[in-house]
Structure formats: C-alpha cells, structure tokens
Amino acid sequence: METADSFKFAQAVARGRTRGGRPASREAVLARLLSKRAAAHRAGMGTLERFLRLQIVWSLPIQNPDSGAAEVDPQDR
C-alpha cells in the first residue's frame, strides 16, 4: 500500500471514531502507546517497537527540577 493510500485510510478510520481518534488525556495517549509497543514486541517488529519507545519517552511528563511542578517542553529534551 502506498503512503498516500495509507494516509487516506487512516483519515477515514479516524472520522469514524469518537472524537476523531484523538485521545481524551495524556494518560490515554501513554496507555495506547504502551499497548502498541507491547503488541509490536510480541510480533517481533523491532523497528516499530523502537519507534514506539521513542514516542513513549516523548509523551512522558517531565518535571523541571528547579521549580518542581512545572513541565518541561518535550521539544527541549
């Protein structure tokens, strides 16, 4: 399947989902990523699993050590 076809398919599926497939919270995003990573691991899809691990790290909340509760922008990592 070509990339353009894959993108169109993903858009069509998202239109049929509640909230367009957008998760309700950061916790929901992390839970979905962890589930997908576990499935990739079980299927022996190392490249996909590594990609998902990077997304998981990016999605984790990080606290600024100077202020305690402030979150550091993931782009600054």
PDB file of N, CA and C in Angstrom:
ATOM      1  N   MET A   1       0.853  -1.177   0.000  1.00  0.00           N
ATOM      2  CA  MET A   1       0.000   0.000   0.000  1.00  0.00           C
ATOM      3  C   MET A   1       0.897   1.237   0.000  1.00  0.00           C
ATOM      4  N   GLU A   2       0.588   2.164  -0.826  1.00  0.00           N
ATOM      5  CA  GLU A   2       1.380   3.387  -0.896  1.00  0.00           C
ATOM      6  C   GLU A   2       1.105   4.272   0.314  1.00  0.00           C
ATOM      7  N   THR A   3       2.019   5.170   0.580  1.00  0.00           N
ATOM      8  CA  THR A   3       1.887   6.058   1.736  1.00  0.00           C
ATOM      9  C   THR A   3       0.631   6.910   1.644  1.00  0.00           C
ATOM     10  N   ALA A   4       0.334   7.443   0.465  1.00  0.00           N
ATOM     11  CA  ALA A   4      -0.850   8.287   0.300  1.00  0.00           C
ATOM     12  C   ALA A   4      -2.122   7.490   0.578  1.00  0.00           C
ATOM     13  N   ASP A   5      -2.167   6.244   0.092  1.00  0.00           N
ATOM     14  CA  ASP A   5      -3.337   5.397   0.347  1.00  0.00           C
ATOM     15  C   ASP A   5      -3.458   5.075   1.833  1.00  0.00           C
ATOM     16  N   SER A   6      -2.335   4.816   2.469  1.00  0.00           N
ATOM     17  CA  SER A   6      -2.328   4.516   3.891  1.00  0.00           C
ATOM     18  C   SER A   6      -2.840   5.715   4.689  1.00  0.00           C
ATOM     19  N   PHE A   7      -2.410   6.920   4.303  1.00  0.00           N
ATOM     20  CA  PHE A   7      -2.850   8.136   4.982  1.00  0.00           C
ATOM     21  C   PHE A   7      -4.352   8.338   4.804  1.00  0.00           C
ATOM     22  N   LYS A   8      -4.866   8.130   3.596  1.00  0.00           N
ATOM     23  CA  LYS A   8      -6.309   8.272   3.343  1.00  0.00           C
ATOM     24  C   LYS A   8      -7.103   7.267   4.170  1.00  0.00           C
ATOM     25  N   PHE A   9      -6.586   6.047   4.261  1.00  0.00           N
ATOM     26  CA  PHE A   9      -7.256   5.024   5.043  1.00  0.00           C
ATOM     27  C   PHE A   9      -7.302   5.423   6.515  1.00  0.00           C
ATOM     28  N   ALA A  10      -6.173   5.915   7.049  1.00  0.00           N
ATOM     29  CA  ALA A  10      -6.110   6.335   8.448  1.00  0.00           C
ATOM     30  C   ALA A  10      -7.089   7.475   8.713  1.00  0.00           C
ATOM     31  N   GLN A  11      -7.196   8.407   7.772  1.00  0.00           N
ATOM     32  CA  GLN A  11      -8.138   9.513   7.937  1.00  0.00           C
ATOM     33  C   GLN A  11      -9.577   9.003   7.959  1.00  0.00           C
ATOM     34  N   ALA A  12      -9.903   8.062   7.077  1.00  0.00           N
ATOM     35  CA  ALA A  12     -11.255   7.516   7.022  1.00  0.00           C
ATOM     36  C   ALA A  12     -11.600   6.795   8.324  1.00  0.00           C
ATOM     37  N   VAL A  13     -10.661   6.043   8.857  1.00  0.00           N
ATOM     38  CA  VAL A  13     -10.890   5.344  10.122  1.00  0.00           C
ATOM     39  C   VAL A  13     -11.084   6.352  11.249  1.00  0.00           C
ATOM     40  N   ALA A  14     -10.258   7.386  11.280  1.00  0.00           N
ATOM     41  CA  ALA A  14     -10.354   8.401  12.336  1.00  0.00           C
ATOM     42  C   ALA A  14     -11.697   9.125  12.296  1.00  0.00           C
ATOM     43  N   ARG A  15     -12.220   9.371  11.110  1.00  0.00           N
ATOM     44  CA  ARG A  15     -13.521  10.061  11.008  1.00  0.00           C
ATOM     45  C   ARG A  15     -14.627   9.226  11.638  1.00  0.00           C
ATOM     46  N   GLY A  16     -14.474   7.924  11.636  1.00  0.00           N
ATOM     47  CA  GLY A  16     -15.490   7.048  12.211  1.00  0.00           C
ATOM     48  C   GLY A  16     -15.356   6.856  13.710  1.00  0.00           C
ATOM     49  N   ARG A  17     -14.283   7.335  14.291  1.00  0.00           N
ATOM     50  CA  ARG A  17     -14.052   7.164  15.732  1.00  0.00           C
ATOM     51  C   ARG A  17     -14.598   8.339  16.530  1.00  0.00           C
ATOM     52  N   THR A  18     -14.895   8.067  17.787  1.00  0.00           N
ATOM     53  CA  THR A  18     -15.304   9.120  18.705  1.00  0.00           C
ATOM     54  C   THR A  18     -14.170  10.124  18.830  1.00  0.00           C
ATOM     55  N   ARG A  19     -14.474  11.385  18.803  1.00  0.00           N
ATOM     56  CA  ARG A  19     -13.501  12.478  18.896  1.00  0.00           C
ATOM     57  C   ARG A  19     -12.462  12.418  17.779  1.00  0.00           C
ATOM     58  N   GLY A  20     -12.769  11.746  16.684  1.00  0.00           N
ATOM     59  CA  GLY A  20     -11.839  11.678  15.563  1.00  0.00           C
ATOM     60  C   GLY A  20     -10.584  10.893  15.877  1.00  0.00           C
ATOM     61  N   GLY A  21     -10.637  10.036  16.884  1.00  0.00           N
ATOM     62  CA  GLY A  21      -9.478   9.248  17.256  1.00  0.00           C
ATOM     63  C   GLY A  21      -8.517   9.968  18.182  1.00  0.00           C
ATOM     64  N   ARG A  22      -8.850  11.212  18.558  1.00  0.00           N
ATOM     65  CA  ARG A  22      -7.983  11.962  19.472  1.00  0.00           C
ATOM     66  C   ARG A  22      -8.214  11.463  20.898  1.00  0.00           C
ATOM     67  N   PRO A  23      -7.160  11.178  21.622  1.00  0.00           N
ATOM     68  CA  PRO A  23      -7.326  10.696  22.994  1.00  0.00           C
ATOM     69  C   PRO A  23      -7.819  11.789  23.928  1.00  0.00           C
ATOM     70  N   ALA A  24      -8.477  11.378  24.994  1.00  0.00           N
ATOM     71  CA  ALA A  24      -9.061  12.328  25.942  1.00  0.00           C
ATOM     72  C   ALA A  24      -8.022  12.930  26.884  1.00  0.00           C
ATOM     73  N   SER A  25      -6.892  12.242  27.083  1.00  0.00           N
ATOM     74  CA  SER A  25      -5.913  12.729  28.056  1.00  0.00           C
ATOM     75  C   SER A  25      -4.516  12.220  27.725  1.00  0.00           C
ATOM     76  N   ARG A  26      -3.537  12.783  28.406  1.00  0.00           N
ATOM     77  CA  ARG A  26      -2.151  12.317  28.249  1.00  0.00           C
ATOM     78  C   ARG A  26      -2.032  10.858  28.685  1.00  0.00           C
ATOM     79  N   GLU A  27      -2.768  10.483  29.729  1.00  0.00           N
ATOM     80  CA  GLU A  27      -2.742   9.110  30.207  1.00  0.00           C
ATOM     81  C   GLU A  27      -3.248   8.152  29.132  1.00  0.00           C
ATOM     82  N   ALA A  28      -4.282   8.570  28.403  1.00  0.00           N
ATOM     83  CA  ALA A  28      -4.819   7.742  27.328  1.00  0.00           C
ATOM     84  C   ALA A  28      -3.796   7.569  26.208  1.00  0.00           C
ATOM     85  N   VAL A  29      -3.058   8.627  25.911  1.00  0.00           N
ATOM     86  CA  VAL A  29      -2.011   8.546  24.883  1.00  0.00           C
ATOM     87  C   VAL A  29      -0.950   7.550  25.318  1.00  0.00           C
ATOM     88  N   LEU A  30      -0.487   7.672  26.545  1.00  0.00           N
ATOM     89  CA  LEU A  30       0.553   6.794  27.044  1.00  0.00           C
ATOM     90  C   LEU A  30       0.077   5.339  27.083  1.00  0.00           C
ATOM     91  N   ALA A  31      -1.145   5.109  27.530  1.00  0.00           N
ATOM     92  CA  ALA A  31      -1.686   3.749  27.573  1.00  0.00           C
ATOM     93  C   ALA A  31      -1.759   3.145  26.175  1.00  0.00           C
ATOM     94  N   ARG A  32      -2.182   3.941  25.205  1.00  0.00           N
ATOM     95  CA  ARG A  32      -2.270   3.444  23.825  1.00  0.00           C
ATOM     96  C   ARG A  32      -0.882   3.117  23.278  1.00  0.00           C
ATOM     97  N   LEU A  33       0.085   3.992  23.534  1.00  0.00           N
ATOM     98  CA  LEU A  33       1.448   3.747  23.052  1.00  0.00           C
ATOM     99  C   LEU A  33       2.056   2.501  23.693  1.00  0.00           C
ATOM    100  N   LEU A  34       1.830   2.330  24.994  1.00  0.00           N
ATOM    101  CA  LEU A  34       2.358   1.150  25.680  1.00  0.00           C
ATOM    102  C   LEU A  34       1.744  -0.127  25.142  1.00  0.00           C
ATOM    103  N   SER A  35       0.458  -0.087  24.862  1.00  0.00           N
ATOM    104  CA  SER A  35      -0.224  -1.248  24.298  1.00  0.00           C
ATOM    105  C   SER A  35       0.313  -1.585  22.904  1.00  0.00           C
ATOM    106  N   LYS A  36       0.499  -0.561  22.091  1.00  0.00           N
ATOM    107  CA  LYS A  36       1.027  -0.779  20.747  1.00  0.00           C
ATOM    108  C   LYS A  36       2.459  -1.300  20.794  1.00  0.00           C
ATOM    109  N   ARG A  37       3.270  -0.779  21.732  1.00  0.00           N
ATOM    110  CA  ARG A  37       4.646  -1.240  21.849  1.00  0.00           C
ATOM    111  C   ARG A  37       4.695  -2.709  22.253  1.00  0.00           C
ATOM    112  N   ALA A  38       3.828  -3.095  23.189  1.00  0.00           N
ATOM    113  CA  ALA A  38       3.776  -4.492  23.623  1.00  0.00           C
ATOM    114  C   ALA A  38       3.365  -5.402  22.470  1.00  0.00           C
ATOM    115  N   ALA A  39       2.406  -4.969  21.667  1.00  0.00           N
ATOM    116  CA  ALA A  39       1.976  -5.765  20.515  1.00  0.00           C
ATOM    117  C   ALA A  39       3.105  -5.888  19.493  1.00  0.00           C
ATOM    118  N   ALA A  40       3.835  -4.805  19.267  1.00  0.00           N
ATOM    119  CA  ALA A  40       4.966  -4.843  18.332  1.00  0.00           C
ATOM    120  C   ALA A  40       6.045  -5.796  18.848  1.00  0.00           C
ATOM    121  N   HIS A  41       6.277  -5.791  20.151  1.00  0.00           N
ATOM    122  CA  HIS A  41       7.266  -6.684  20.751  1.00  0.00           C
ATOM    123  C   HIS A  41       6.854  -8.144  20.559  1.00  0.00           C
ATOM    124  N   ARG A  42       5.580  -8.443  20.846  1.00  0.00           N
ATOM    125  CA  ARG A  42       5.079  -9.817  20.687  1.00  0.00           C
ATOM    126  C   ARG A  42       5.174 -10.287  19.243  1.00  0.00           C
ATOM    127  N   ALA A  43       4.990  -9.358  18.302  1.00  0.00           N
ATOM    128  CA  ALA A  43       5.012  -9.705  16.876  1.00  0.00           C
ATOM    129  C   ALA A  43       6.432  -9.723  16.319  1.00  0.00           C
ATOM    130  N   GLY A  44       7.423  -9.365  17.147  1.00  0.00           N
ATOM    131  CA  GLY A  44       8.804  -9.368  16.673  1.00  0.00           C
ATOM    132  C   GLY A  44       9.130  -8.230  15.722  1.00  0.00           C
ATOM    133  N   MET A  45       8.406  -7.124  15.842  1.00  0.00           N
ATOM    134  CA  MET A  45       8.605  -5.966  14.966  1.00  0.00           C
ATOM    135  C   MET A  45       9.516  -4.958  15.662  1.00  0.00           C
ATOM    136  N   GLY A  46      10.819  -5.243  15.635  1.00  0.00           N
ATOM    137  CA  GLY A  46      11.802  -4.453  16.362  1.00  0.00           C
ATOM    138  C   GLY A  46      11.846  -2.994  15.971  1.00  0.00           C
ATOM    139  N   THR A  47      11.775  -2.710  14.682  1.00  0.00           N
ATOM    140  CA  THR A  47      11.846  -1.320  14.222  1.00  0.00           C
ATOM    141  C   THR A  47      10.655  -0.522  14.740  1.00  0.00           C
ATOM    142  N   LEU A  48       9.465  -1.098  14.623  1.00  0.00           N
ATOM    143  CA  LEU A  48       8.262  -0.423  15.116  1.00  0.00           C
ATOM    144  C   LEU A  48       8.322  -0.256  16.627  1.00  0.00           C
ATOM    145  N   GLU A  49       8.813  -1.280  17.323  1.00  0.00           N
ATOM    146  CA  GLU A  49       8.913  -1.190  18.780  1.00  0.00           C
ATOM    147  C   GLU A  49       9.864  -0.062  19.193  1.00  0.00           C
ATOM    148  N   ARG A  50      10.995   0.073  18.521  1.00  0.00           N
ATOM    149  CA  ARG A  50      11.936   1.157  18.839  1.00  0.00           C
ATOM    150  C   ARG A  50      11.300   2.521  18.587  1.00  0.00           C
ATOM    151  N   PHE A  51      10.563   2.646  17.487  1.00  0.00           N
ATOM    152  CA  PHE A  51       9.874   3.900  17.174  1.00  0.00           C
ATOM    153  C   PHE A  51       8.856   4.238  18.267  1.00  0.00           C
ATOM    154  N   LEU A  52       8.103   3.230  18.699  1.00  0.00           N
ATOM    155  CA  LEU A  52       7.100   3.458  19.740  1.00  0.00           C
ATOM    156  C   LEU A  52       7.757   3.808  21.083  1.00  0.00           C
ATOM    157  N   ARG A  53       8.907   3.205  21.381  1.00  0.00           N
ATOM    158  CA  ARG A  53       9.632   3.553  22.605  1.00  0.00           C
ATOM    159  C   ARG A  53      10.009   5.032  22.600  1.00  0.00           C
ATOM    160  N   LEU A  54      10.451   5.534  21.456  1.00  0.00           N
ATOM    161  CA  LEU A  54      10.787   6.955  21.351  1.00  0.00           C
ATOM    162  C   LEU A  54       9.557   7.823  21.590  1.00  0.00           C
ATOM    163  N   GLN A  55       8.419   7.405  21.035  1.00  0.00           N
ATOM    164  CA  GLN A  55       7.188   8.165  21.253  1.00  0.00           C
ATOM    165  C   GLN A  55       6.766   8.130  22.721  1.00  0.00           C
ATOM    166  N   ILE A  56       6.969   6.994  23.369  1.00  0.00           N
ATOM    167  CA  ILE A  56       6.617   6.865  24.784  1.00  0.00           C
ATOM    168  C   ILE A  56       7.468   7.822  25.619  1.00  0.00           C
ATOM    169  N   VAL A  57       8.761   7.838  25.367  1.00  0.00           N
ATOM    170  CA  VAL A  57       9.651   8.750  26.099  1.00  0.00           C
ATOM    171  C   VAL A  57       9.230  10.192  25.872  1.00  0.00           C
ATOM    172  N   TRP A  58       8.898  10.529  24.641  1.00  0.00           N
ATOM    173  CA  TRP A  58       8.491  11.889  24.313  1.00  0.00           C
ATOM    174  C   TRP A  58       7.198  12.272  25.021  1.00  0.00           C
ATOM    175  N   SER A  59       6.303  11.300  25.224  1.00  0.00           N
ATOM    176  CA  SER A  59       4.989  11.613  25.806  1.00  0.00           C
ATOM    177  C   SER A  59       4.988  11.650  27.330  1.00  0.00           C
ATOM    178  N   LEU A  60       6.071  11.179  27.965  1.00  0.00           N
ATOM    179  CA  LEU A  60       6.109  11.175  29.427  1.00  0.00           C
ATOM    180  C   LEU A  60       6.206  12.601  29.975  1.00  0.00           C
ATOM    181  N   PRO A  61       5.479  12.885  31.043  1.00  0.00           N
ATOM    182  CA  PRO A  61       5.591  14.209  31.652  1.00  0.00           C
ATOM    183  C   PRO A  61       6.927  14.318  32.394  1.00  0.00           C
ATOM    184  N   ILE A  62       7.583  15.418  32.228  1.00  0.00           N
ATOM    185  CA  ILE A  62       8.868  15.668  32.874  1.00  0.00           C
ATOM    186  C   ILE A  62       8.736  16.911  33.737  1.00  0.00           C
ATOM    187  N   GLN A  63       9.198  16.832  34.971  1.00  0.00           N
ATOM    188  CA  GLN A  63       9.147  17.988  35.861  1.00  0.00           C
ATOM    189  C   GLN A  63      10.467  18.735  35.814  1.00  0.00           C
ATOM    190  N   ASN A  64      10.374  20.045  35.851  1.00  0.00           N
ATOM    191  CA  ASN A  64      11.546  20.897  35.891  1.00  0.00           C
ATOM    192  C   ASN A  64      12.127  20.814  37.301  1.00  0.00           C
ATOM    193  N   PRO A  65      13.393  20.390  37.438  1.00  0.00           N
ATOM    194  CA  PRO A  65      13.958  20.230  38.779  1.00  0.00           C
ATOM    195  C   PRO A  65      14.067  21.548  39.555  1.00  0.00           C
ATOM    196  N   ASP A  66      14.119  22.685  38.861  1.00  0.00           N
ATOM    197  CA  ASP A  66      14.240  23.973  39.546  1.00  0.00           C
ATOM    198  C   ASP A  66      12.940  24.419  40.200  1.00  0.00           C
ATOM    199  N   SER A  67      11.814  24.173  39.514  1.00  0.00           N
ATOM    200  CA  SER A  67      10.544  24.658  40.052  1.00  0.00           C
ATOM    201  C   SER A  67       9.683  23.544  40.634  1.00  0.00           C
ATOM    202  N   GLY A  68      10.055  22.298  40.426  1.00  0.00           N
ATOM    203  CA  GLY A  68       9.310  21.187  40.998  1.00  0.00           C
ATOM    204  C   GLY A  68       8.140  20.728  40.164  1.00  0.00           C
ATOM    205  N   ALA A  69       7.130  21.570  39.982  1.00  0.00           N
ATOM    206  CA  ALA A  69       5.911  21.119  39.323  1.00  0.00           C
ATOM    207  C   ALA A  69       5.810  21.515  37.861  1.00  0.00           C
ATOM    208  N   ALA A  70       6.604  22.449  37.409  1.00  0.00           N
ATOM    209  CA  ALA A  70       6.488  22.905  36.030  1.00  0.00           C
ATOM    210  C   ALA A  70       6.948  21.823  35.072  1.00  0.00           C
ATOM    211  N   GLU A  71       6.265  21.723  33.963  1.00  0.00           N
ATOM    212  CA  GLU A  71       6.601  20.711  32.973  1.00  0.00           C
ATOM    213  C   GLU A  71       7.570  21.277  31.943  1.00  0.00           C
ATOM    214  N   VAL A  72       8.537  20.480  31.566  1.00  0.00           N
ATOM    215  CA  VAL A  72       9.490  20.870  30.535  1.00  0.00           C
ATOM    216  C   VAL A  72       8.894  20.503  29.182  1.00  0.00           C
ATOM    217  N   ASP A  73       9.000  21.403  28.231  1.00  0.00           N
ATOM    218  CA  ASP A  73       8.500  21.142  26.891  1.00  0.00           C
ATOM    219  C   ASP A  73       9.279  19.969  26.289  1.00  0.00           C
ATOM    220  N   PRO A  74       8.561  18.943  25.734  1.00  0.00           N
ATOM    221  CA  PRO A  74       9.246  17.789  25.156  1.00  0.00           C
ATOM    222  C   PRO A  74      10.240  18.175  24.050  1.00  0.00           C
ATOM    223  N   GLN A  75      10.049  19.319  23.417  1.00  0.00           N
ATOM    224  CA  GLN A  75      10.949  19.750  22.370  1.00  0.00           C
ATOM    225  C   GLN A  75      12.318  20.125  22.934  1.00  0.00           C
ATOM    226  N   ASP A  76      12.386  20.401  24.237  1.00  0.00           N
ATOM    227  CA  ASP A  76      13.629  20.811  24.872  1.00  0.00           C
ATOM    228  C   ASP A  76      14.495  19.633  25.322  1.00  0.00           C
ATOM    229  N   ARG A  77      14.003  18.405  25.165  1.00  0.00           N
ATOM    230  CA  ARG A  77      14.746  17.230  25.614  1.00  0.00           C
ATOM    231  C   ARG A  77      15.880  16.892  24.704  1.00  0.00           C
TER     232      ARG A  77
END
